[in-house]
Amino acid sequence: MGALRLYCGDSDLAEELAQETLVRVCAHWPKVVTMEYPQAWAHRVAINLANSALRRRRVRRRHQAREVVAEQTAADALAVTRVDLLRCLATLPPRQRAAVVLRYHVGFSALEVASLLGVSPGAVRMLTLRAKEALAAGLSVQLPSESPNRGEHR
């Protein structure tokens, strides 16, 4: 186990590997007992197990590092999107901006927004459609298609 501890640099891992080595020596005992250098075979098994464990550890660290970078990149993209969205919202005419904010941020129905803005529900749908088109163009994104019966009478 001392050699494994030096090789791995991790006492806990070395202990696990030593136990696994003993399991393998016992499993192959009929073959091991007839070897000229059974101790060397056991050390070779231990080193191979250590190499595999260290390789898995490196791969896991690489994947974790990639995930951290991906999360940071996604967070940065989201922050940029928020800034761009606020910038684009500011360029909308006041009624379009009010309609889209009340519909999609606050969650009011077209009837509720119509009542608040003093316009018809059809006008609210037109205001939000034009606002969404302007936002999509300003953000260079493609709008998802919506079904025409999307719960307008909430």
C-alpha atoms as a PDB file:
ATOM      1  CA  MET A   1       0.000   0.000   0.000  1.00  0.00           C
ATOM      2  CA  GLY A   2       2.936   2.354   0.588  1.00  0.00           C
ATOM      3  CA  ALA A   3       3.910   2.164  -3.082  1.00  0.00           C
ATOM      4  CA  LEU A   4       0.333   2.899  -4.129  1.00  0.00           C
ATOM      5  CA  ARG A   5       0.154   5.867  -1.763  1.00  0.00           C
ATOM      6  CA  LEU A   6       3.324   7.286  -3.313  1.00  0.00           C
ATOM      7  CA  TYR A   7       2.141   6.518  -6.846  1.00  0.00           C
ATOM      8  CA  CYS A   8      -1.364   7.994  -6.423  1.00  0.00           C
ATOM      9  CA  GLY A   9      -0.656  10.734  -3.935  1.00  0.00           C
ATOM     10  CA  ASP A  10      -3.968   9.895  -2.235  1.00  0.00           C
ATOM     11  CA  SER A  11      -4.143   7.654   0.838  1.00  0.00           C
ATOM     12  CA  ASP A  12      -7.850   6.891   0.506  1.00  0.00           C
ATOM     13  CA  LEU A  13      -7.527   5.926  -3.151  1.00  0.00           C
ATOM     14  CA  ALA A  14      -4.434   3.846  -2.375  1.00  0.00           C
ATOM     15  CA  GLU A  15      -6.354   1.939   0.289  1.00  0.00           C
ATOM     16  CA  GLU A  16      -9.242   1.219  -2.101  1.00  0.00           C
ATOM     17  CA  LEU A  17      -6.825   0.083  -4.794  1.00  0.00           C
ATOM     18  CA  ALA A  18      -4.938  -2.174  -2.372  1.00  0.00           C
ATOM     19  CA  GLN A  19      -8.201  -3.835  -1.383  1.00  0.00           C
ATOM     20  CA  GLU A  20      -9.202  -4.287  -5.035  1.00  0.00           C
ATOM     21  CA  THR A  21      -5.747  -5.741  -5.745  1.00  0.00           C
ATOM     22  CA  LEU A  22      -6.193  -8.278  -2.946  1.00  0.00           C
ATOM     23  CA  VAL A  23      -9.597  -9.239  -4.341  1.00  0.00           C
ATOM     24  CA  ARG A  24      -8.049  -9.853  -7.751  1.00  0.00           C
ATOM     25  CA  VAL A  25      -5.129 -11.814  -6.289  1.00  0.00           C
ATOM     26  CA  CYS A  26      -7.627 -14.044  -4.454  1.00  0.00           C
ATOM     27  CA  ALA A  27      -9.776 -14.440  -7.569  1.00  0.00           C
ATOM     28  CA  HIS A  28      -6.715 -15.558  -9.577  1.00  0.00           C
ATOM     29  CA  TRP A  29      -5.008 -17.453  -6.751  1.00  0.00           C
ATOM     30  CA  PRO A  30      -4.536 -20.771  -8.591  1.00  0.00           C
ATOM     31  CA  LYS A  31      -2.621 -18.900 -11.313  1.00  0.00           C
ATOM     32  CA  VAL A  32      -0.831 -16.493  -8.931  1.00  0.00           C
ATOM     33  CA  VAL A  33       0.503 -19.198  -6.613  1.00  0.00           C
ATOM     34  CA  THR A  34       2.353 -20.877  -9.488  1.00  0.00           C
ATOM     35  CA  MET A  35       4.024 -17.664 -10.716  1.00  0.00           C
ATOM     36  CA  GLU A  36       7.748 -17.113 -10.280  1.00  0.00           C
ATOM     37  CA  TYR A  37       7.160 -13.543  -9.022  1.00  0.00           C
ATOM     38  CA  PRO A  38       3.593 -13.346  -7.648  1.00  0.00           C
ATOM     39  CA  GLN A  39       4.413 -10.153  -5.747  1.00  0.00           C
ATOM     40  CA  ALA A  40       5.424  -8.407  -8.990  1.00  0.00           C
ATOM     41  CA  TRP A  41       2.157  -9.524 -10.597  1.00  0.00           C
ATOM     42  CA  ALA A  42       0.198  -8.060  -7.659  1.00  0.00           C
ATOM     43  CA  HIS A  43       2.119  -4.773  -7.954  1.00  0.00           C
ATOM     44  CA  ARG A  44       1.424  -4.692 -11.701  1.00  0.00           C
ATOM     45  CA  VAL A  45      -2.312  -5.211 -11.002  1.00  0.00           C
ATOM     46  CA  ALA A  46      -2.216  -2.422  -8.402  1.00  0.00           C
ATOM     47  CA  ILE A  47      -0.430  -0.008 -10.777  1.00  0.00           C
ATOM     48  CA  ASN A  48      -2.895  -0.837 -13.586  1.00  0.00           C
ATOM     49  CA  LEU A  49      -5.817  -0.194 -11.250  1.00  0.00           C
ATOM     50  CA  ALA A  50      -4.202   3.073 -10.139  1.00  0.00           C
ATOM     51  CA  ASN A  51      -3.677   4.174 -13.739  1.00  0.00           C
ATOM     52  CA  SER A  52      -7.334   3.468 -14.527  1.00  0.00           C
ATOM     53  CA  ALA A  53      -8.536   5.325 -11.436  1.00  0.00           C
ATOM     54  CA  LEU A  54      -6.303   8.318 -12.146  1.00  0.00           C
ATOM     55  CA  ARG A  55      -7.429   8.394 -15.794  1.00  0.00           C
ATOM     56  CA  ARG A  56     -11.104   8.374 -14.708  1.00  0.00           C
ATOM     57  CA  ARG A  57     -10.362  11.168 -12.237  1.00  0.00           C
ATOM     58  CA  ARG A  58      -8.697  13.279 -14.982  1.00  0.00           C
ATOM     59  CA  VAL A  59     -11.625  12.721 -17.339  1.00  0.00           C
ATOM     60  CA  ARG A  60     -14.114  13.634 -14.603  1.00  0.00           C
ATOM     61  CA  ARG A  61     -12.189  16.843 -13.839  1.00  0.00           C
ATOM     62  CA  ARG A  62     -12.083  17.738 -17.540  1.00  0.00           C
ATOM     63  CA  HIS A  63     -15.828  17.241 -17.842  1.00  0.00           C
ATOM     64  CA  GLN A  64     -16.476  19.271 -14.711  1.00  0.00           C
ATOM     65  CA  ALA A  65     -14.291  22.079 -16.052  1.00  0.00           C
ATOM     66  CA  ARG A  66     -16.210  22.021 -19.346  1.00  0.00           C
ATOM     67  CA  GLU A  67     -19.512  22.170 -17.481  1.00  0.00           C
ATOM     68  CA  VAL A  68     -18.334  25.194 -15.481  1.00  0.00           C
ATOM     69  CA  VAL A  69     -17.255  26.942 -18.696  1.00  0.00           C
ATOM     70  CA  ALA A  70     -20.575  26.048 -20.368  1.00  0.00           C
ATOM     71  CA  GLU A  71     -22.542  27.379 -17.374  1.00  0.00           C
ATOM     72  CA  GLN A  72     -20.533  30.610 -17.356  1.00  0.00           C
ATOM     73  CA  THR A  73     -20.997  31.007 -21.114  1.00  0.00           C
ATOM     74  CA  ALA A  74     -24.747  30.407 -20.815  1.00  0.00           C
ATOM     75  CA  ALA A  75     -24.972  32.913 -17.944  1.00  0.00           C
ATOM     76  CA  ASP A  76     -23.012  35.477 -19.977  1.00  0.00           C
ATOM     77  CA  ALA A  77     -25.262  34.927 -23.001  1.00  0.00           C
ATOM     78  CA  LEU A  78     -28.340  35.302 -20.805  1.00  0.00           C
ATOM     79  CA  ALA A  79     -27.022  38.552 -19.339  1.00  0.00           C
ATOM     80  CA  VAL A  80     -26.348  39.914 -22.828  1.00  0.00           C
ATOM     81  CA  THR A  81     -29.829  38.853 -23.892  1.00  0.00           C
ATOM     82  CA  ARG A  82     -31.406  40.730 -20.976  1.00  0.00           C
ATOM     83  CA  VAL A  83     -29.490  43.884 -21.827  1.00  0.00           C
ATOM     84  CA  ASP A  84     -30.433  43.571 -25.482  1.00  0.00           C
ATOM     85  CA  LEU A  85     -34.054  42.886 -24.607  1.00  0.00           C
ATOM     86  CA  LEU A  86     -34.244  45.971 -22.401  1.00  0.00           C
ATOM     87  CA  ARG A  87     -32.636  48.037 -25.143  1.00  0.00           C
ATOM     88  CA  CYS A  88     -35.116  46.745 -27.726  1.00  0.00           C
ATOM     89  CA  LEU A  89     -38.096  47.212 -25.411  1.00  0.00           C
ATOM     90  CA  ALA A  90     -37.102  50.845 -24.975  1.00  0.00           C
ATOM     91  CA  THR A  91     -37.333  51.370 -28.746  1.00  0.00           C
ATOM     92  CA  LEU A  92     -40.962  50.171 -28.950  1.00  0.00           C
ATOM     93  CA  PRO A  93     -43.808  52.660 -29.126  1.00  0.00           C
ATOM     94  CA  PRO A  94     -45.368  53.112 -25.650  1.00  0.00           C
ATOM     95  CA  ARG A  95     -48.597  51.179 -26.376  1.00  0.00           C
ATOM     96  CA  GLN A  96     -46.721  48.228 -27.895  1.00  0.00           C
ATOM     97  CA  ARG A  97     -44.303  48.201 -24.967  1.00  0.00           C
ATOM     98  CA  ALA A  98     -47.194  48.320 -22.463  1.00  0.00           C
ATOM     99  CA  ALA A  99     -49.090  45.561 -24.275  1.00  0.00           C
ATOM    100  CA  VAL A 100     -46.135  43.186 -24.488  1.00  0.00           C
ATOM    101  CA  VAL A 101     -45.030  43.805 -20.888  1.00  0.00           C
ATOM    102  CA  LEU A 102     -48.547  43.344 -19.504  1.00  0.00           C
ATOM    103  CA  ARG A 103     -49.188  40.220 -21.609  1.00  0.00           C
ATOM    104  CA  TYR A 104     -45.878  38.388 -21.275  1.00  0.00           C
ATOM    105  CA  HIS A 105     -44.218  39.699 -18.150  1.00  0.00           C
ATOM    106  CA  VAL A 106     -47.212  40.361 -15.918  1.00  0.00           C
ATOM    107  CA  GLY A 107     -49.261  37.560 -17.490  1.00  0.00           C
ATOM    108  CA  PHE A 108     -52.535  39.377 -18.102  1.00  0.00           C
ATOM    109  CA  SER A 109     -54.974  38.083 -20.706  1.00  0.00           C
ATOM    110  CA  ALA A 110     -55.727  40.053 -23.852  1.00  0.00           C
ATOM    111  CA  LEU A 111     -59.066  41.111 -22.277  1.00  0.00           C
ATOM    112  CA  GLU A 112     -57.346  42.406 -19.137  1.00  0.00           C
ATOM    113  CA  VAL A 113     -54.746  44.320 -21.147  1.00  0.00           C
ATOM    114  CA  ALA A 114     -57.492  45.723 -23.394  1.00  0.00           C
ATOM    115  CA  SER A 115     -59.350  46.966 -20.344  1.00  0.00           C
ATOM    116  CA  LEU A 116     -56.212  48.573 -18.905  1.00  0.00           C
ATOM    117  CA  LEU A 117     -55.191  50.246 -22.178  1.00  0.00           C
ATOM    118  CA  GLY A 118     -58.721  51.214 -23.217  1.00  0.00           C
ATOM    119  CA  VAL A 119     -58.552  49.314 -26.526  1.00  0.00           C
ATOM    120  CA  SER A 120     -60.195  46.188 -27.946  1.00  0.00           C
ATOM    121  CA  PRO A 121     -58.726  42.697 -27.395  1.00  0.00           C
ATOM    122  CA  GLY A 122     -58.029  42.569 -31.146  1.00  0.00           C
ATOM    123  CA  ALA A 123     -55.973  45.758 -30.832  1.00  0.00           C
ATOM    124  CA  VAL A 124     -54.022  44.169 -27.963  1.00  0.00           C
ATOM    125  CA  ARG A 125     -53.267  41.123 -30.128  1.00  0.00           C
ATOM    126  CA  MET A 126     -52.100  43.415 -32.951  1.00  0.00           C
ATOM    127  CA  LEU A 127     -49.973  45.526 -30.573  1.00  0.00           C
ATOM    128  CA  THR A 128     -48.314  42.461 -29.081  1.00  0.00           C
ATOM    129  CA  LEU A 129     -47.770  40.895 -32.513  1.00  0.00           C
ATOM    130  CA  ARG A 130     -46.061  44.041 -33.817  1.00  0.00           C
ATOM    131  CA  ALA A 131     -44.034  44.375 -30.613  1.00  0.00           C
ATOM    132  CA  LYS A 132     -42.873  40.764 -30.828  1.00  0.00           C
ATOM    133  CA  GLU A 133     -41.918  41.210 -34.487  1.00  0.00           C
ATOM    134  CA  ALA A 134     -39.948  44.373 -33.661  1.00  0.00           C
ATOM    135  CA  LEU A 135     -38.236  42.647 -30.718  1.00  0.00           C
ATOM    136  CA  ALA A 136     -37.377  39.618 -32.829  1.00  0.00           C
ATOM    137  CA  ALA A 137     -35.893  41.840 -35.537  1.00  0.00           C
ATOM    138  CA  GLY A 138     -33.972  43.911 -32.985  1.00  0.00           C
ATOM    139  CA  LEU A 139     -32.611  40.809 -31.276  1.00  0.00           C
ATOM    140  CA  SER A 140     -32.052  38.933 -34.550  1.00  0.00           C
ATOM    141  CA  VAL A 141     -34.083  35.950 -33.405  1.00  0.00           C
ATOM    142  CA  GLN A 142     -36.798  33.955 -35.034  1.00  0.00           C
ATOM    143  CA  LEU A 143     -40.198  33.916 -33.373  1.00  0.00           C
ATOM    144  CA  PRO A 144     -41.709  30.534 -32.557  1.00  0.00           C
ATOM    145  CA  SER A 145     -45.054  29.974 -34.188  1.00  0.00           C
ATOM    146  CA  GLU A 146     -48.000  30.174 -31.827  1.00  0.00           C
ATOM    147  CA  SER A 147     -51.309  28.419 -32.135  1.00  0.00           C
ATOM    148  CA  PRO A 148     -54.167  30.877 -32.842  1.00  0.00           C
ATOM    149  CA  ASN A 149     -56.222  29.628 -29.857  1.00  0.00           C
ATOM    150  CA  ARG A 150     -53.653  30.238 -27.172  1.00  0.00           C
ATOM    151  CA  GLY A 151     -55.939  30.902 -24.207  1.00  0.00           C
ATOM    152  CA  GLU A 152     -56.700  34.552 -24.981  1.00  0.00           C
ATOM    153  CA  HIS A 153     -59.683  34.568 -22.596  1.00  0.00           C
ATOM    154  CA  ARG A 154     -57.828  33.734 -19.439  1.00  0.00           C
END
